[in-house]
Protein backbone atom coordinates (compact mmCIF):
# COMPACT_ATOMS: atom_id res chain seq x y z
CA MET A 1 -0.04 -0.01 0.01
CA MET A 2 1.41 3.38 -1.05
CA GLN A 3 1.96 5.90 1.72
CA VAL A 4 2.23 9.67 1.82
CA LYS A 5 5.92 10.50 1.19
CA ASP A 6 7.07 13.30 3.57
CA ASN A 7 10.62 13.38 2.19
CA LEU A 8 9.74 13.66 -1.54
CA LEU A 9 9.43 17.25 -2.71
CA PRO A 10 7.03 17.69 -5.64
CA THR A 11 7.99 19.60 -8.71
CA ALA A 12 6.13 22.74 -9.97
CA PHE A 13 4.16 22.32 -13.14
CA ALA A 14 1.37 23.91 -15.19
CA ARG A 15 -1.45 21.97 -16.75
CA ALA A 16 -4.55 22.73 -18.75
CA VAL A 17 -7.82 20.93 -19.42
CA THR A 18 -6.96 19.42 -22.81
CA VAL A 19 -7.38 16.06 -24.60
CA ASN A 20 -3.78 15.28 -23.67
CA SER A 21 -4.53 15.35 -19.96
CA THR A 22 -7.98 13.69 -20.21
CA PHE A 23 -9.27 10.12 -20.02
CA ALA A 24 -12.55 8.67 -21.28
CA TYR A 25 -14.02 7.18 -18.12
CA MET A 26 -17.29 5.23 -18.06
CA GLY A 27 -19.08 7.51 -20.52
CA SER A 28 -17.60 10.68 -18.97
CA LEU A 29 -14.38 12.64 -19.34
CA MET A 30 -11.86 12.89 -16.50
CA THR A 31 -9.06 15.44 -16.74
CA PHE A 32 -6.12 14.94 -14.44
CA LEU A 33 -5.01 18.39 -13.28
CA ALA A 34 -2.73 17.06 -10.41
CA LYS A 35 -2.17 13.37 -9.73
CA GLY A 36 -1.27 11.88 -6.36
CA SER A 37 2.05 10.74 -7.88
CA GLU A 38 2.85 14.44 -8.43
CA THR A 39 1.92 15.68 -4.91
CA SER A 40 3.75 13.10 -2.78
CA GLY A 41 0.44 11.28 -2.44
CA ARG A 42 -1.17 14.05 -0.42
CA PHE A 43 -3.93 15.20 -2.90
CA ALA A 44 -5.23 14.92 -6.43
CA LEU A 45 -7.39 17.23 -8.49
CA MET A 46 -9.49 16.24 -11.44
CA GLU A 47 -12.13 17.88 -13.67
CA TYR A 48 -15.12 15.63 -14.21
CA TYR A 49 -17.45 16.19 -17.19
CA THR A 50 -20.46 13.89 -17.28
CA LYS A 51 -24.17 13.45 -17.81
CA PRO A 52 -27.11 11.64 -16.20
CA GLY A 53 -26.73 7.86 -16.38
CA ASN A 54 -22.90 7.91 -16.09
CA GLU A 55 -22.71 8.17 -12.23
CA PRO A 56 -20.68 5.71 -10.29
CA PRO A 57 -22.39 3.26 -7.84
CA PRO A 58 -22.58 4.12 -4.11
CA HIS A 59 -19.20 3.75 -2.50
CA VAL A 60 -16.82 4.56 0.35
CA HIS A 61 -13.37 6.15 0.23
CA GLU A 62 -11.12 4.40 2.70
CA ARG A 63 -8.07 6.69 2.24
CA GLU A 64 -9.22 10.22 1.39
CA HIS A 65 -11.63 13.06 1.93
CA GLU A 66 -13.39 14.27 -1.22
CA LEU A 67 -14.58 17.66 -2.23
CA TYR A 68 -16.67 18.68 -5.36
CA PHE A 69 -16.84 22.27 -6.72
CA VAL A 70 -19.48 22.56 -9.50
CA LEU A 71 -18.45 24.51 -12.58
CA GLU A 72 -21.57 23.67 -14.73
CA GLY A 73 -24.90 21.95 -13.98
CA THR A 74 -26.44 20.63 -10.76
CA MET A 75 -25.90 17.56 -8.67
CA ARG A 76 -27.69 15.70 -5.92
CA PHE A 77 -25.57 13.97 -3.23
CA TYR A 78 -26.54 11.23 -0.77
CA CYS A 79 -24.43 10.84 2.39
CA GLU A 80 -25.79 9.02 5.50
CA ASP A 81 -29.45 10.13 5.86
CA LYS A 82 -28.77 13.40 4.14
CA THR A 83 -29.73 14.48 0.63
CA LEU A 84 -28.04 17.62 -0.64
CA ASP A 85 -28.42 19.55 -3.91
CA ILE A 86 -25.57 21.75 -5.24
CA GLY A 87 -25.11 23.84 -8.29
CA VAL A 88 -22.61 26.25 -9.92
CA GLY A 89 -20.27 27.71 -7.30
CA ASP A 90 -21.33 25.30 -4.61
CA VAL A 91 -19.08 22.84 -2.84
CA MET A 92 -19.80 19.39 -1.43
CA PHE A 93 -17.49 17.79 1.17
CA LEU A 94 -17.51 14.02 1.72
CA PRO A 95 -15.51 12.79 4.67
CA GLN A 96 -13.29 9.74 4.45
CA GLY A 97 -15.11 6.57 5.46
CA LYS A 98 -18.64 7.88 4.85
CA PRO A 99 -20.77 5.99 2.24
CA HIS A 100 -22.03 8.32 -0.50
CA ALA A 101 -23.50 8.55 -3.98
CA PHE A 102 -24.57 11.24 -6.27
CA THR A 103 -26.85 11.84 -9.36
CA CYS A 104 -26.66 14.45 -12.07
CA THR A 105 -29.79 16.60 -11.98
CA SER A 106 -28.99 18.66 -15.12
CA SER A 107 -28.30 17.56 -18.74
CA VAL A 108 -24.48 17.84 -18.19
CA VAL A 109 -22.26 18.38 -15.16
CA ARG A 110 -18.79 19.76 -15.01
CA THR A 111 -17.15 19.73 -11.60
CA LEU A 112 -13.74 19.76 -10.02
CA ILE A 113 -13.06 16.79 -7.71
CA PHE A 114 -10.37 17.28 -5.06
CA VAL A 115 -9.26 14.47 -2.83
CA GLN A 116 -6.88 14.75 0.17
CA ALA A 117 -5.17 11.97 2.03
CA ALA A 118 -6.86 11.48 5.42
CA GLY A 119 -4.02 9.51 6.94
CA ARG A 120 -0.68 7.96 6.00
CA ASP A 121 -2.05 6.16 2.96
CA ALA A 122 -1.65 8.08 -0.31
CA VAL A 123 -4.68 9.22 -2.33
CA ALA A 124 -5.70 6.64 -4.88
CA LEU A 125 -8.99 7.84 -6.45
CA ASP A 126 -7.06 9.25 -9.44
CA SER A 127 -5.48 5.75 -9.85
CA TYR A 128 -8.97 4.28 -9.85
CA PHE A 129 -10.11 6.61 -12.66
CA LEU A 130 -7.01 5.90 -14.64
CA ALA A 131 -7.54 2.11 -14.30
CA MET A 132 -11.20 2.41 -15.26
CA GLY A 133 -10.60 4.64 -18.29
CA GLU A 134 -8.42 5.14 -21.38
CA PRO A 135 -6.97 8.17 -23.13
CA ALA A 136 -9.70 10.43 -24.57
CA GLY A 137 -10.02 10.86 -28.30
CA SER A 138 -11.80 14.22 -27.95
CA MET A 139 -13.33 16.52 -25.40
CA VAL A 140 -16.89 15.71 -26.41
CA LEU A 141 -19.02 13.40 -24.27
CA PRO A 142 -19.71 10.22 -26.28
CA ASP A 143 -23.22 9.44 -27.38
CA SER A 144 -22.75 5.77 -26.45
CA ALA A 145 -20.18 4.28 -24.08
CA VAL A 146 -19.75 1.63 -21.46
CA THR A 147 -21.13 3.09 -18.23
CA TYR A 148 -21.57 1.62 -14.74
CA ALA A 149 -25.20 0.86 -15.59
CA VAL A 150 -24.19 -1.68 -18.16
CA ASN A 151 -20.64 -2.75 -17.10
CA ASP A 152 -19.87 -5.88 -15.13
CA PRO A 153 -19.83 -4.53 -11.50
CA ARG A 154 -17.18 -7.06 -10.46
CA HIS A 155 -14.55 -5.19 -12.45
CA ALA A 156 -15.19 -1.85 -10.64
CA THR A 157 -15.31 -3.73 -7.32
CA ARG A 158 -11.85 -5.33 -7.96
CA VAL A 159 -10.26 -2.07 -9.15
CA GLY A 160 -11.89 -0.21 -6.26
CA ALA A 161 -10.56 -2.74 -3.70
CA SER A 162 -6.98 -2.20 -4.94
CA THR A 163 -7.31 1.57 -4.64
CA GLY A 164 -9.00 1.98 -1.33
CA ILE A 165 -12.58 2.32 -2.70
CA GLN A 166 -15.35 0.01 -1.47
CA ILE A 167 -18.28 -0.34 -3.89
CA LEU A 168 -21.42 -0.91 -1.90
CA SER A 169 -23.87 -3.75 -2.73
CA PRO A 170 -27.62 -2.98 -3.11
CA SER A 171 -28.23 -4.16 0.48
CA GLU A 172 -25.36 -2.21 1.89
CA THR A 173 -26.58 0.86 -0.04
CA GLN A 174 -30.13 0.51 1.32
CA ARG A 175 -28.82 0.42 4.90
CA ALA A 176 -26.19 3.22 4.52
CA LEU A 177 -28.07 5.56 2.21
CA PRO A 178 -31.76 5.30 2.92
CA GLN A 179 -32.62 8.33 0.76
CA TYR A 180 -30.81 7.04 -2.38
CA PRO A 181 -33.31 6.09 -5.06
CA GLY A 182 -31.05 3.63 -6.83
CA SER A 183 -28.74 3.52 -9.82
CA GLY A 184 -30.37 4.63 -13.01
CA VAL A 185 -33.24 6.34 -11.20
CA ALA A 186 -33.84 9.92 -12.43
CA SER A 187 -33.72 12.60 -9.68
CA SER A 188 -35.83 15.72 -9.65
CA PRO A 189 -34.34 18.90 -8.00
CA SER A 190 -37.82 19.72 -6.51
CA SER A 191 -38.15 16.80 -4.11
CA PRO A 192 -39.42 18.17 -0.81
CA HIS A 193 -36.90 16.32 1.48
CA LEU A 194 -33.85 17.97 0.03
CA LEU A 195 -31.37 20.16 1.90
CA ARG A 196 -30.35 22.94 -0.41
CA VAL A 197 -26.87 24.43 0.05
CA PRO A 198 -27.49 28.16 0.92
CA ASN A 199 -25.77 30.88 -0.99
CA GLU A 200 -23.47 32.75 1.31
């Protein structure tokens, strides 16, 4: 298991959101702005461009805290018994070890994903995305692609286990995320039980 390296000094770099830094990932596009291998394992930063139907299954990060900052569109998150909607300019923080899931509630979503090592183990979410994707051929979302909804879940579960991500089974999801409607179920932003992130 890779650990955070205190004695390894990262090197400065500049990077843009281009096809050269982007992977096609389960029907979405994932741009790697900073990888854990470039930050001594302390953090990683990605831009995620996606649409409804491409969302990952409910899961738990065993190594890292996760933060979303929405650049375009709207999202609904499920964590414990909470359901939270966020939109452009909003942030969602998901603590390490907490089961969570999300759905896209707009036609497209573009968001930054920042993960930070919560302990001695290095971040590995970026490694998961790399293992589950392949270099992008363009910066346009594909009309048809293999997504979690149609992929063999055993593959994601195996890759997740090797990178500190636990994919939840349907029964585990039902217990951990009682508000989650299920994979492939459309979400409406007007549901009455939602907690809306206030504008400050």
